Amino acid sequence: MFSRGGDTVWLQPPFFCDYGSNIELGERVFFNFNCIVLDVCRVRIGDYSLFGPGVQILTPLHPLDAALRRKQEYGRPIDIGADVWVGAGALILPGVTIGSGSVIGAGSVVTRNIPDNVFAAGNPCRVIRSITQEDRASGLDTSMTGIVAPSV
């Protein structure tokens, strides 16, 4: 189904894509329920990346001119690094790169590149803060708001 990887992918159905042949997956990628990948061009996803329910990864674009829009569609590739966590209902728009180790808050609309190891959220999605060594040592951020739950 995918152009690369997929042997260790975990998909909770339903999962939707245009072609599949333009999707390159690293090891142990997880897609929760109702994810959509419109892959009119390349979508590259790194190892151990996680996608919450209802995430949409969208590469297609259309001309602003109505006459051209009737005849043309094109796309811009999307690159998502390793160990990325994308919260439920987020939209990742054409041409975006999300850096490794980053977390995208639920419901975010990612319109521009996100660097490595940051928590980013909102519409449009923006960097809220860096993910620190303290965050890594203290446990799971269950709220996706940047407030880290205490270790138990």
C-alpha atoms as a PDB file:
ATOM      1  CA  MET A   1       0.000   0.000   0.000  1.00  0.00           C
ATOM      2  CA  PHE A   2       2.863   2.432   0.779  1.00  0.00           C
ATOM      3  CA  SER A   3       5.891   3.351  -1.327  1.00  0.00           C
ATOM      4  CA  ARG A   4       8.243   2.675   1.596  1.00  0.00           C
ATOM      5  CA  GLY A   5       7.737   1.097   4.986  1.00  0.00           C
ATOM      6  CA  GLY A   6       4.440  -0.062   6.313  1.00  0.00           C
ATOM      7  CA  ASP A   7       5.663  -3.425   7.585  1.00  0.00           C
ATOM      8  CA  THR A   8       5.391  -2.168  11.173  1.00  0.00           C
ATOM      9  CA  VAL A   9       2.699   0.509  10.730  1.00  0.00           C
ATOM     10  CA  TRP A  10      -0.291   0.336  13.061  1.00  0.00           C
ATOM     11  CA  LEU A  11      -3.518   1.613  11.483  1.00  0.00           C
ATOM     12  CA  GLN A  12      -6.797   1.879  13.352  1.00  0.00           C
ATOM     13  CA  PRO A  13      -9.418   1.736  10.601  1.00  0.00           C
ATOM     14  CA  PRO A  14     -10.806   3.546   8.858  1.00  0.00           C
ATOM     15  CA  PHE A  15      -7.737   5.041   7.185  1.00  0.00           C
ATOM     16  CA  PHE A  16      -8.051   7.005   3.934  1.00  0.00           C
ATOM     17  CA  CYS A  17      -5.469   8.041   1.331  1.00  0.00           C
ATOM     18  CA  ASP A  18      -5.440   9.076  -2.317  1.00  0.00           C
ATOM     19  CA  TYR A  19      -2.780   6.722  -3.636  1.00  0.00           C
ATOM     20  CA  GLY A  20      -0.616   5.319  -0.856  1.00  0.00           C
ATOM     21  CA  SER A  21       2.247   5.033  -3.333  1.00  0.00           C
ATOM     22  CA  ASN A  22       3.421   8.542  -2.371  1.00  0.00           C
ATOM     23  CA  ILE A  23       3.583   7.758   1.361  1.00  0.00           C
ATOM     24  CA  GLU A  24       6.991   6.841   2.823  1.00  0.00           C
ATOM     25  CA  LEU A  25       6.819   5.479   6.371  1.00  0.00           C
ATOM     26  CA  GLY A  26       9.508   4.872   8.960  1.00  0.00           C
ATOM     27  CA  GLU A  27       9.338   2.142  11.573  1.00  0.00           C
ATOM     28  CA  ARG A  28       6.341   1.772  13.913  1.00  0.00           C
ATOM     29  CA  VAL A  29       4.243   4.708  12.726  1.00  0.00           C
ATOM     30  CA  PHE A  30       0.771   4.797  14.340  1.00  0.00           C
ATOM     31  CA  PHE A  31      -2.418   6.229  12.808  1.00  0.00           C
ATOM     32  CA  ASN A  32      -5.465   6.344  15.089  1.00  0.00           C
ATOM     33  CA  PHE A  33      -9.070   6.179  13.808  1.00  0.00           C
ATOM     34  CA  ASN A  34     -10.232   8.297  10.827  1.00  0.00           C
ATOM     35  CA  CYS A  35      -6.874   9.612   9.620  1.00  0.00           C
ATOM     36  CA  ILE A  36      -6.675  11.004   6.092  1.00  0.00           C
ATOM     37  CA  VAL A  37      -3.537  11.352   3.951  1.00  0.00           C
ATOM     38  CA  LEU A  38      -4.127  13.077   0.601  1.00  0.00           C
ATOM     39  CA  ASP A  39      -0.875  12.096  -1.096  1.00  0.00           C
ATOM     40  CA  VAL A  40      -0.945  13.683  -4.548  1.00  0.00           C
ATOM     41  CA  CYS A  41       2.794  14.056  -3.931  1.00  0.00           C
ATOM     42  CA  ARG A  42       5.305  12.722  -1.410  1.00  0.00           C
ATOM     43  CA  VAL A  43       4.473  12.401   2.292  1.00  0.00           C
ATOM     44  CA  ARG A  44       7.477  11.275   4.343  1.00  0.00           C
ATOM     45  CA  ILE A  45       6.930  10.215   7.984  1.00  0.00           C
ATOM     46  CA  GLY A  46       9.782   9.269  10.326  1.00  0.00           C
ATOM     47  CA  ASP A  47      10.114   6.412  12.779  1.00  0.00           C
ATOM     48  CA  TYR A  48       7.823   6.176  15.824  1.00  0.00           C
ATOM     49  CA  SER A  49       5.557   9.070  14.846  1.00  0.00           C
ATOM     50  CA  LEU A  50       2.015   9.035  16.254  1.00  0.00           C
ATOM     51  CA  PHE A  51      -1.175  10.521  14.793  1.00  0.00           C
ATOM     52  CA  GLY A  52      -4.296  11.020  16.902  1.00  0.00           C
ATOM     53  CA  PRO A  53      -7.809  10.353  15.604  1.00  0.00           C
ATOM     54  CA  GLY A  54      -9.012  12.483  12.724  1.00  0.00           C
ATOM     55  CA  VAL A  55      -5.609  13.898  11.719  1.00  0.00           C
ATOM     56  CA  GLN A  56      -5.443  15.074   8.099  1.00  0.00           C
ATOM     57  CA  ILE A  57      -2.204  15.308   6.105  1.00  0.00           C
ATOM     58  CA  LEU A  58      -3.006  17.270   2.958  1.00  0.00           C
ATOM     59  CA  THR A  59      -0.630  17.807   0.010  1.00  0.00           C
ATOM     60  CA  PRO A  60      -3.048  19.057  -2.724  1.00  0.00           C
ATOM     61  CA  LEU A  61      -3.228  22.686  -3.836  1.00  0.00           C
ATOM     62  CA  HIS A  62      -5.394  24.437  -6.400  1.00  0.00           C
ATOM     63  CA  PRO A  63      -4.860  27.680  -8.351  1.00  0.00           C
ATOM     64  CA  LEU A  64      -6.525  30.829  -7.035  1.00  0.00           C
ATOM     65  CA  ASP A  65      -7.747  31.606 -10.566  1.00  0.00           C
ATOM     66  CA  ALA A  66     -11.161  29.938 -11.020  1.00  0.00           C
ATOM     67  CA  ALA A  67     -10.624  29.050 -14.704  1.00  0.00           C
ATOM     68  CA  LEU A  68      -7.336  27.290 -13.920  1.00  0.00           C
ATOM     69  CA  ARG A  69      -8.854  25.628 -10.870  1.00  0.00           C
ATOM     70  CA  ARG A  70     -11.300  23.795 -13.157  1.00  0.00           C
ATOM     71  CA  LYS A  71      -8.371  22.071 -14.911  1.00  0.00           C
ATOM     72  CA  GLN A  72      -5.426  21.959 -12.542  1.00  0.00           C
ATOM     73  CA  GLU A  73      -4.396  20.460  -9.256  1.00  0.00           C
ATOM     74  CA  TYR A  74      -0.898  20.261  -7.884  1.00  0.00           C
ATOM     75  CA  GLY A  75       0.711  19.556  -4.553  1.00  0.00           C
ATOM     76  CA  ARG A  76       3.597  20.273  -2.226  1.00  0.00           C
ATOM     77  CA  PRO A  77       5.318  17.485  -0.284  1.00  0.00           C
ATOM     78  CA  ILE A  78       5.076  17.098   3.489  1.00  0.00           C
ATOM     79  CA  ASP A  79       7.921  15.871   5.704  1.00  0.00           C
ATOM     80  CA  ILE A  80       7.311  14.747   9.278  1.00  0.00           C
ATOM     81  CA  GLY A  81      10.326  13.769  11.366  1.00  0.00           C
ATOM     82  CA  ALA A  82      10.818  10.873  13.753  1.00  0.00           C
ATOM     83  CA  ASP A  83       9.119  10.686  17.145  1.00  0.00           C
ATOM     84  CA  VAL A  84       6.496  13.310  16.273  1.00  0.00           C
ATOM     85  CA  TRP A  85       3.142  13.265  18.076  1.00  0.00           C
ATOM     86  CA  VAL A  86       0.232  14.946  16.266  1.00  0.00           C
ATOM     87  CA  GLY A  87      -2.888  15.443  18.413  1.00  0.00           C
ATOM     88  CA  ALA A  88      -6.438  14.595  17.400  1.00  0.00           C
ATOM     89  CA  GLY A  89      -8.042  16.584  14.596  1.00  0.00           C
ATOM     90  CA  ALA A  90      -4.909  18.454  13.534  1.00  0.00           C
ATOM     91  CA  LEU A  91      -4.535  19.525   9.902  1.00  0.00           C
ATOM     92  CA  ILE A  92      -1.099  19.469   8.256  1.00  0.00           C
ATOM     93  CA  LEU A  93      -1.166  21.601   5.124  1.00  0.00           C
ATOM     94  CA  PRO A  94       0.850  21.350   1.868  1.00  0.00           C
ATOM     95  CA  GLY A  95       4.587  22.000   1.907  1.00  0.00           C
ATOM     96  CA  VAL A  96       5.031  21.761   5.686  1.00  0.00           C
ATOM     97  CA  THR A  97       7.948  20.158   7.516  1.00  0.00           C
ATOM     98  CA  ILE A  98       7.555  19.100  11.151  1.00  0.00           C
ATOM     99  CA  GLY A  99      10.832  18.494  12.957  1.00  0.00           C
ATOM    100  CA  SER A 100      11.721  15.361  14.867  1.00  0.00           C
ATOM    101  CA  GLY A 101      10.624  15.084  18.471  1.00  0.00           C
ATOM    102  CA  SER A 102       7.945  17.772  18.171  1.00  0.00           C
ATOM    103  CA  VAL A 103       4.389  17.632  19.512  1.00  0.00           C
ATOM    104  CA  ILE A 104       1.485  19.250  17.639  1.00  0.00           C
ATOM    105  CA  GLY A 105      -1.527  20.118  19.799  1.00  0.00           C
ATOM    106  CA  ALA A 106      -4.960  18.707  19.075  1.00  0.00           C
ATOM    107  CA  GLY A 107      -6.991  20.731  16.577  1.00  0.00           C
ATOM    108  CA  SER A 108      -3.984  22.682  15.295  1.00  0.00           C
ATOM    109  CA  VAL A 109      -3.722  23.880  11.701  1.00  0.00           C
ATOM    110  CA  VAL A 110      -0.078  23.546  10.656  1.00  0.00           C
ATOM    111  CA  THR A 111       0.517  26.125   7.923  1.00  0.00           C
ATOM    112  CA  ARG A 112       4.301  26.571   8.255  1.00  0.00           C
ATOM    113  CA  ASN A 113       7.371  24.600   9.225  1.00  0.00           C
ATOM    114  CA  ILE A 114       7.799  23.509  12.842  1.00  0.00           C
ATOM    115  CA  PRO A 115      11.346  22.940  14.180  1.00  0.00           C
ATOM    116  CA  ASP A 116      12.643  19.922  16.102  1.00  0.00           C
ATOM    117  CA  ASN A 117      11.713  19.280  19.739  1.00  0.00           C
ATOM    118  CA  VAL A 118       8.999  21.875  20.322  1.00  0.00           C
ATOM    119  CA  PHE A 119       5.397  21.901  21.448  1.00  0.00           C
ATOM    120  CA  ALA A 120       3.343  23.809  18.849  1.00  0.00           C
ATOM    121  CA  ALA A 121      -0.405  24.438  18.755  1.00  0.00           C
ATOM    122  CA  GLY A 122      -3.156  26.719  17.501  1.00  0.00           C
ATOM    123  CA  ASN A 123      -4.708  28.057  14.322  1.00  0.00           C
ATOM    124  CA  PRO A 124      -2.420  28.863  12.731  1.00  0.00           C
ATOM    125  CA  CYS A 125      -0.093  26.512  14.579  1.00  0.00           C
ATOM    126  CA  ARG A 126       2.836  28.248  16.246  1.00  0.00           C
ATOM    127  CA  VAL A 127       5.632  27.210  18.571  1.00  0.00           C
ATOM    128  CA  ILE A 128       4.520  27.483  22.207  1.00  0.00           C
ATOM    129  CA  ARG A 129       7.773  26.353  23.781  1.00  0.00           C
ATOM    130  CA  SER A 130      10.715  23.977  23.510  1.00  0.00           C
ATOM    131  CA  ILE A 131      10.425  20.493  24.903  1.00  0.00           C
ATOM    132  CA  THR A 132      12.997  20.402  27.682  1.00  0.00           C
ATOM    133  CA  GLN A 133      15.054  17.659  29.266  1.00  0.00           C
ATOM    134  CA  GLU A 134      12.843  18.104  32.343  1.00  0.00           C
ATOM    135  CA  ASP A 135       9.765  17.312  30.216  1.00  0.00           C
ATOM    136  CA  ARG A 136      11.402  14.125  28.988  1.00  0.00           C
ATOM    137  CA  ALA A 137      12.240  13.012  32.528  1.00  0.00           C
ATOM    138  CA  SER A 138       8.887  13.883  34.120  1.00  0.00           C
ATOM    139  CA  GLY A 139       6.434  11.785  32.146  1.00  0.00           C
ATOM    140  CA  LEU A 140       3.587  12.066  29.671  1.00  0.00           C
ATOM    141  CA  ASP A 141       2.007  15.394  28.730  1.00  0.00           C
ATOM    142  CA  THR A 142      -1.582  14.170  28.840  1.00  0.00           C
ATOM    143  CA  SER A 143      -3.242  17.519  28.213  1.00  0.00           C
ATOM    144  CA  MET A 144      -1.482  18.549  24.977  1.00  0.00           C
ATOM    145  CA  THR A 145      -1.446  22.074  26.445  1.00  0.00           C
ATOM    146  CA  GLY A 146       2.190  22.170  27.455  1.00  0.00           C
ATOM    147  CA  ILE A 147       1.439  21.444  31.118  1.00  0.00           C
ATOM    148  CA  VAL A 148       3.328  18.318  32.056  1.00  0.00           C
ATOM    149  CA  ALA A 149       1.616  15.834  34.349  1.00  0.00           C
ATOM    150  CA  PRO A 150       3.644  14.950  37.436  1.00  0.00           C
ATOM    151  CA  SER A 151       5.401  11.593  37.588  1.00  0.00           C
ATOM    152  CA  VAL A 152       3.596   8.920  39.551  1.00  0.00           C
END
